[in-house]
Amino acid sequence: MRKLQLGFSLIELLIVVAIILIIAAIAIPNLLRSRMAANESSAAGSLRTVNTAEVVYATTYPSTGFAALASLGGSAAMCAVATGATSTAACLIDNVLASTAVKSGYAFAVVTGSGTPATTYASTALPTVVGKSGQRAFCSDQSGVVRYNGGGTACAGTDSAL
């Protein structure tokens, strides 16, 4: 007489767990690469937004010229009022980017040239953790060309254009 088997054997359960681990080992690196690609795309887009905001700011406030990153933003309450924009809070970019200077795994900075009005600026977007939040560094200047460096730690006006 045969025994009736109820449930799975230990070997069958171990095989299922091994298959799940193999699938996870294949899928997780692809997920991380796609997240880095999304962060890089967001950083390049944010630099394009900063370029546009700098041109609008320099046109609106010609006696000041180009502005630092914090001056391009503004609080939501201030920007909701039609007369709220000023040269210190122009409401041209997202306040998250302007106030914290960190967005989507990238740290942003804008350095303006000396003198008044400022006739030059340089903007950078560097990954907060190279190889994890992003691989490439991005930069731009008053020319409006967004450039990248594959090393991720620095970017200059001589690097390749996007």
C-alpha atoms as a PDB file:
ATOM      1  CA  MET A   1       0.000   0.000   0.000  1.00  0.00           C
ATOM      2  CA  ARG A   2       1.321   3.503  -0.932  1.00  0.00           C
ATOM      3  CA  LYS A   3       1.460   6.499   1.370  1.00  0.00           C
ATOM      4  CA  LEU A   4      -0.418   9.594   0.270  1.00  0.00           C
ATOM      5  CA  GLN A   5       1.987  12.577  -0.037  1.00  0.00           C
ATOM      6  CA  LEU A   6       0.594  15.868   1.244  1.00  0.00           C
ATOM      7  CA  GLY A   7       2.728  18.938   0.407  1.00  0.00           C
ATOM      8  CA  PHE A   8       6.135  19.436  -1.117  1.00  0.00           C
ATOM      9  CA  SER A   9       9.418  17.795  -0.281  1.00  0.00           C
ATOM     10  CA  LEU A  10      12.392  19.787   0.940  1.00  0.00           C
ATOM     11  CA  ILE A  11      14.216  19.285  -2.370  1.00  0.00           C
ATOM     12  CA  GLU A  12      11.297  20.683  -4.353  1.00  0.00           C
ATOM     13  CA  LEU A  13      11.162  23.778  -2.129  1.00  0.00           C
ATOM     14  CA  LEU A  14      14.927  24.330  -2.431  1.00  0.00           C
ATOM     15  CA  ILE A  15      14.707  24.125  -6.228  1.00  0.00           C
ATOM     16  CA  VAL A  16      11.952  26.768  -6.285  1.00  0.00           C
ATOM     17  CA  VAL A  17      13.966  29.067  -4.014  1.00  0.00           C
ATOM     18  CA  ALA A  18      17.062  28.614  -6.199  1.00  0.00           C
ATOM     19  CA  ILE A  19      15.087  29.535  -9.325  1.00  0.00           C
ATOM     20  CA  ILE A  20      13.734  32.673  -7.635  1.00  0.00           C
ATOM     21  CA  LEU A  21      17.276  33.687  -6.584  1.00  0.00           C
ATOM     22  CA  ILE A  22      18.582  33.205 -10.126  1.00  0.00           C
ATOM     23  CA  ILE A  23      15.802  35.398 -11.531  1.00  0.00           C
ATOM     24  CA  ALA A  24      16.519  38.065  -8.889  1.00  0.00           C
ATOM     25  CA  ALA A  25      20.247  37.979  -9.685  1.00  0.00           C
ATOM     26  CA  ILE A  26      19.434  38.725 -13.311  1.00  0.00           C
ATOM     27  CA  ALA A  27      16.740  41.363 -12.703  1.00  0.00           C
ATOM     28  CA  ILE A  28      18.237  43.539  -9.921  1.00  0.00           C
ATOM     29  CA  PRO A  29      21.316  44.800 -11.845  1.00  0.00           C
ATOM     30  CA  ASN A  30      19.071  45.719 -14.781  1.00  0.00           C
ATOM     31  CA  LEU A  31      16.801  47.631 -12.419  1.00  0.00           C
ATOM     32  CA  LEU A  32      19.760  49.556 -10.974  1.00  0.00           C
ATOM     33  CA  ARG A  33      21.072  50.398 -14.466  1.00  0.00           C
ATOM     34  CA  SER A  34      17.664  51.678 -15.524  1.00  0.00           C
ATOM     35  CA  ARG A  35      17.439  53.819 -12.373  1.00  0.00           C
ATOM     36  CA  MET A  36      20.883  55.327 -13.125  1.00  0.00           C
ATOM     37  CA  ALA A  37      19.806  56.046 -16.697  1.00  0.00           C
ATOM     38  CA  ALA A  38      16.650  57.767 -15.423  1.00  0.00           C
ATOM     39  CA  ASN A  39      18.680  59.857 -12.950  1.00  0.00           C
ATOM     40  CA  GLU A  40      21.100  60.886 -15.711  1.00  0.00           C
ATOM     41  CA  SER A  41      18.239  61.865 -17.989  1.00  0.00           C
ATOM     42  CA  SER A  42      16.666  63.908 -15.199  1.00  0.00           C
ATOM     43  CA  ALA A  43      19.992  65.664 -14.481  1.00  0.00           C
ATOM     44  CA  ALA A  44      20.485  66.615 -18.126  1.00  0.00           C
ATOM     45  CA  GLY A  45      16.901  67.879 -18.307  1.00  0.00           C
ATOM     46  CA  SER A  46      17.332  69.896 -15.127  1.00  0.00           C
ATOM     47  CA  LEU A  47      20.474  71.534 -16.551  1.00  0.00           C
ATOM     48  CA  ARG A  48      18.507  72.485 -19.669  1.00  0.00           C
ATOM     49  CA  THR A  49      15.877  74.017 -17.387  1.00  0.00           C
ATOM     50  CA  VAL A  50      18.583  75.936 -15.516  1.00  0.00           C
ATOM     51  CA  ASN A  51      19.961  77.214 -18.853  1.00  0.00           C
ATOM     52  CA  THR A  52      16.539  78.487 -19.887  1.00  0.00           C
ATOM     53  CA  ALA A  53      15.945  80.046 -16.463  1.00  0.00           C
ATOM     54  CA  GLU A  54      19.325  81.813 -16.587  1.00  0.00           C
ATOM     55  CA  VAL A  55      18.513  83.388 -19.949  1.00  0.00           C
ATOM     56  CA  VAL A  56      15.078  84.508 -18.731  1.00  0.00           C
ATOM     57  CA  TYR A  57      16.587  85.843 -15.487  1.00  0.00           C
ATOM     58  CA  ALA A  58      19.346  87.783 -17.273  1.00  0.00           C
ATOM     59  CA  THR A  59      16.743  89.266 -19.633  1.00  0.00           C
ATOM     60  CA  THR A  60      14.351  90.169 -16.814  1.00  0.00           C
ATOM     61  CA  TYR A  61      17.043  91.586 -14.502  1.00  0.00           C
ATOM     62  CA  PRO A  62      19.713  92.985 -16.847  1.00  0.00           C
ATOM     63  CA  SER A  63      21.416  94.982 -14.088  1.00  0.00           C
ATOM     64  CA  THR A  64      22.101  91.713 -12.201  1.00  0.00           C
ATOM     65  CA  GLY A  65      22.938  89.422 -15.128  1.00  0.00           C
ATOM     66  CA  PHE A  66      23.060  85.687 -14.465  1.00  0.00           C
ATOM     67  CA  ALA A  67      22.058  84.363 -11.025  1.00  0.00           C
ATOM     68  CA  ALA A  68      22.966  81.732  -8.471  1.00  0.00           C
ATOM     69  CA  LEU A  69      20.778  78.641  -8.251  1.00  0.00           C
ATOM     70  CA  ALA A  70      18.863  79.790  -5.155  1.00  0.00           C
ATOM     71  CA  SER A  71      17.813  83.049  -6.844  1.00  0.00           C
ATOM     72  CA  LEU A  72      16.200  81.153  -9.725  1.00  0.00           C
ATOM     73  CA  GLY A  73      13.661  79.435  -7.431  1.00  0.00           C
ATOM     74  CA  GLY A  74      11.139  80.646  -4.907  1.00  0.00           C
ATOM     75  CA  SER A  75       8.709  79.280  -2.378  1.00  0.00           C
ATOM     76  CA  ALA A  76       5.368  77.948  -3.581  1.00  0.00           C
ATOM     77  CA  ALA A  77       3.483  80.600  -1.618  1.00  0.00           C
ATOM     78  CA  MET A  78       5.530  83.424  -3.132  1.00  0.00           C
ATOM     79  CA  CYS A  79       5.369  82.075  -6.678  1.00  0.00           C
ATOM     80  CA  ALA A  80       1.571  81.647  -6.480  1.00  0.00           C
ATOM     81  CA  VAL A  81       1.159  85.408  -6.121  1.00  0.00           C
ATOM     82  CA  ALA A  82       1.391  87.194  -9.468  1.00  0.00           C
ATOM     83  CA  THR A  83       3.736  89.903  -8.153  1.00  0.00           C
ATOM     84  CA  GLY A  84       5.810  87.557  -5.978  1.00  0.00           C
ATOM     85  CA  ALA A  85       8.863  87.122  -8.242  1.00  0.00           C
ATOM     86  CA  THR A  86      11.915  89.210  -7.375  1.00  0.00           C
ATOM     87  CA  SER A  87      15.584  89.162  -8.314  1.00  0.00           C
ATOM     88  CA  THR A  88      16.309  87.054  -5.203  1.00  0.00           C
ATOM     89  CA  ALA A  89      13.447  84.596  -5.805  1.00  0.00           C
ATOM     90  CA  ALA A  90      12.571  84.647  -9.496  1.00  0.00           C
ATOM     91  CA  CYS A  91      10.221  81.608  -9.473  1.00  0.00           C
ATOM     92  CA  LEU A  92      11.769  80.241 -12.666  1.00  0.00           C
ATOM     93  CA  ILE A  93      12.708  76.721 -11.524  1.00  0.00           C
ATOM     94  CA  ASP A  94      11.388  74.138  -9.095  1.00  0.00           C
ATOM     95  CA  ASN A  95      12.088  75.159  -5.508  1.00  0.00           C
ATOM     96  CA  VAL A  96      13.326  71.643  -4.674  1.00  0.00           C
ATOM     97  CA  LEU A  97      16.158  72.109  -7.150  1.00  0.00           C
ATOM     98  CA  ALA A  98      16.782  75.716  -6.132  1.00  0.00           C
ATOM     99  CA  SER A  99      16.764  75.261  -2.359  1.00  0.00           C
ATOM    100  CA  THR A 100      18.290  71.827  -1.767  1.00  0.00           C
ATOM    101  CA  ALA A 101      20.361  71.635  -4.988  1.00  0.00           C
ATOM    102  CA  VAL A 102      19.898  67.839  -4.937  1.00  0.00           C
ATOM    103  CA  LYS A 103      17.448  66.105  -7.252  1.00  0.00           C
ATOM    104  CA  SER A 104      17.207  62.538  -8.557  1.00  0.00           C
ATOM    105  CA  GLY A 105      20.563  61.471  -7.156  1.00  0.00           C
ATOM    106  CA  TYR A 106      22.482  64.467  -8.528  1.00  0.00           C
ATOM    107  CA  ALA A 107      23.922  67.519  -6.763  1.00  0.00           C
ATOM    108  CA  PHE A 108      23.535  70.772  -8.700  1.00  0.00           C
ATOM    109  CA  ALA A 109      25.558  73.973  -8.486  1.00  0.00           C
ATOM    110  CA  VAL A 110      25.676  77.259 -10.383  1.00  0.00           C
ATOM    111  CA  VAL A 111      28.643  79.627 -10.185  1.00  0.00           C
ATOM    112  CA  THR A 112      28.278  83.081 -11.711  1.00  0.00           C
ATOM    113  CA  GLY A 113      31.084  85.210 -13.072  1.00  0.00           C
ATOM    114  CA  SER A 114      32.443  88.145 -11.151  1.00  0.00           C
ATOM    115  CA  GLY A 115      31.226  91.660 -11.758  1.00  0.00           C
ATOM    116  CA  THR A 116      27.845  93.272 -12.027  1.00  0.00           C
ATOM    117  CA  PRO A 117      26.088  92.378 -14.191  1.00  0.00           C
ATOM    118  CA  ALA A 118      27.340  88.776 -14.213  1.00  0.00           C
ATOM    119  CA  THR A 119      27.937  87.922 -17.860  1.00  0.00           C
ATOM    120  CA  THR A 120      28.960  84.279 -17.359  1.00  0.00           C
ATOM    121  CA  TYR A 121      27.858  81.273 -15.361  1.00  0.00           C
ATOM    122  CA  ALA A 122      28.770  77.607 -15.060  1.00  0.00           C
ATOM    123  CA  SER A 123      26.302  74.973 -13.904  1.00  0.00           C
ATOM    124  CA  THR A 124      27.165  71.417 -12.882  1.00  0.00           C
ATOM    125  CA  ALA A 125      25.271  68.249 -11.986  1.00  0.00           C
ATOM    126  CA  LEU A 126      27.376  65.598 -10.253  1.00  0.00           C
ATOM    127  CA  PRO A 127      26.096  62.188  -9.094  1.00  0.00           C
ATOM    128  CA  THR A 128      25.842  61.987  -5.310  1.00  0.00           C
ATOM    129  CA  VAL A 129      27.307  58.459  -5.438  1.00  0.00           C
ATOM    130  CA  VAL A 130      29.220  57.704  -8.639  1.00  0.00           C
ATOM    131  CA  GLY A 131      28.178  54.325 -10.033  1.00  0.00           C
ATOM    132  CA  LYS A 132      25.031  54.129  -7.923  1.00  0.00           C
ATOM    133  CA  SER A 133      22.953  57.288  -8.462  1.00  0.00           C
ATOM    134  CA  GLY A 134      24.588  58.032 -11.815  1.00  0.00           C
ATOM    135  CA  GLN A 135      27.734  57.396 -13.829  1.00  0.00           C
ATOM    136  CA  ARG A 136      28.181  60.625 -15.799  1.00  0.00           C
ATOM    137  CA  ALA A 137      28.690  64.209 -14.653  1.00  0.00           C
ATOM    138  CA  PHE A 138      26.950  67.016 -16.575  1.00  0.00           C
ATOM    139  CA  CYS A 139      27.748  70.696 -16.980  1.00  0.00           C
ATOM    140  CA  SER A 140      26.751  73.746 -18.969  1.00  0.00           C
ATOM    141  CA  ASP A 141      27.509  77.432 -19.239  1.00  0.00           C
ATOM    142  CA  GLN A 142      26.146  80.577 -20.863  1.00  0.00           C
ATOM    143  CA  SER A 143      26.558  78.957 -24.306  1.00  0.00           C
ATOM    144  CA  GLY A 144      23.605  76.680 -23.446  1.00  0.00           C
ATOM    145  CA  VAL A 145      25.412  73.483 -24.484  1.00  0.00           C
ATOM    146  CA  VAL A 146      24.998  70.604 -22.018  1.00  0.00           C
ATOM    147  CA  ARG A 147      28.180  68.537 -21.750  1.00  0.00           C
ATOM    148  CA  TYR A 148      29.012  65.274 -19.991  1.00  0.00           C
ATOM    149  CA  ASN A 149      32.014  63.484 -18.523  1.00  0.00           C
ATOM    150  CA  GLY A 150      31.951  59.715 -18.157  1.00  0.00           C
ATOM    151  CA  GLY A 151      34.068  59.759 -14.989  1.00  0.00           C
ATOM    152  CA  GLY A 152      31.261  61.295 -12.950  1.00  0.00           C
ATOM    153  CA  THR A 153      33.428  63.381 -10.610  1.00  0.00           C
ATOM    154  CA  ALA A 154      33.924  66.555 -12.667  1.00  0.00           C
ATOM    155  CA  CYS A 155      32.823  68.201 -15.896  1.00  0.00           C
ATOM    156  CA  ALA A 156      34.338  71.044 -17.901  1.00  0.00           C
ATOM    157  CA  GLY A 157      33.532  73.107 -20.980  1.00  0.00           C
ATOM    158  CA  THR A 158      35.921  70.938 -23.031  1.00  0.00           C
ATOM    159  CA  ASP A 159      33.983  67.691 -22.451  1.00  0.00           C
ATOM    160  CA  SER A 160      31.718  66.080 -25.076  1.00  0.00           C
ATOM    161  CA  ALA A 161      28.357  67.679 -25.812  1.00  0.00           C
ATOM    162  CA  LEU A 162      25.140  65.713 -25.406  1.00  0.00           C
END
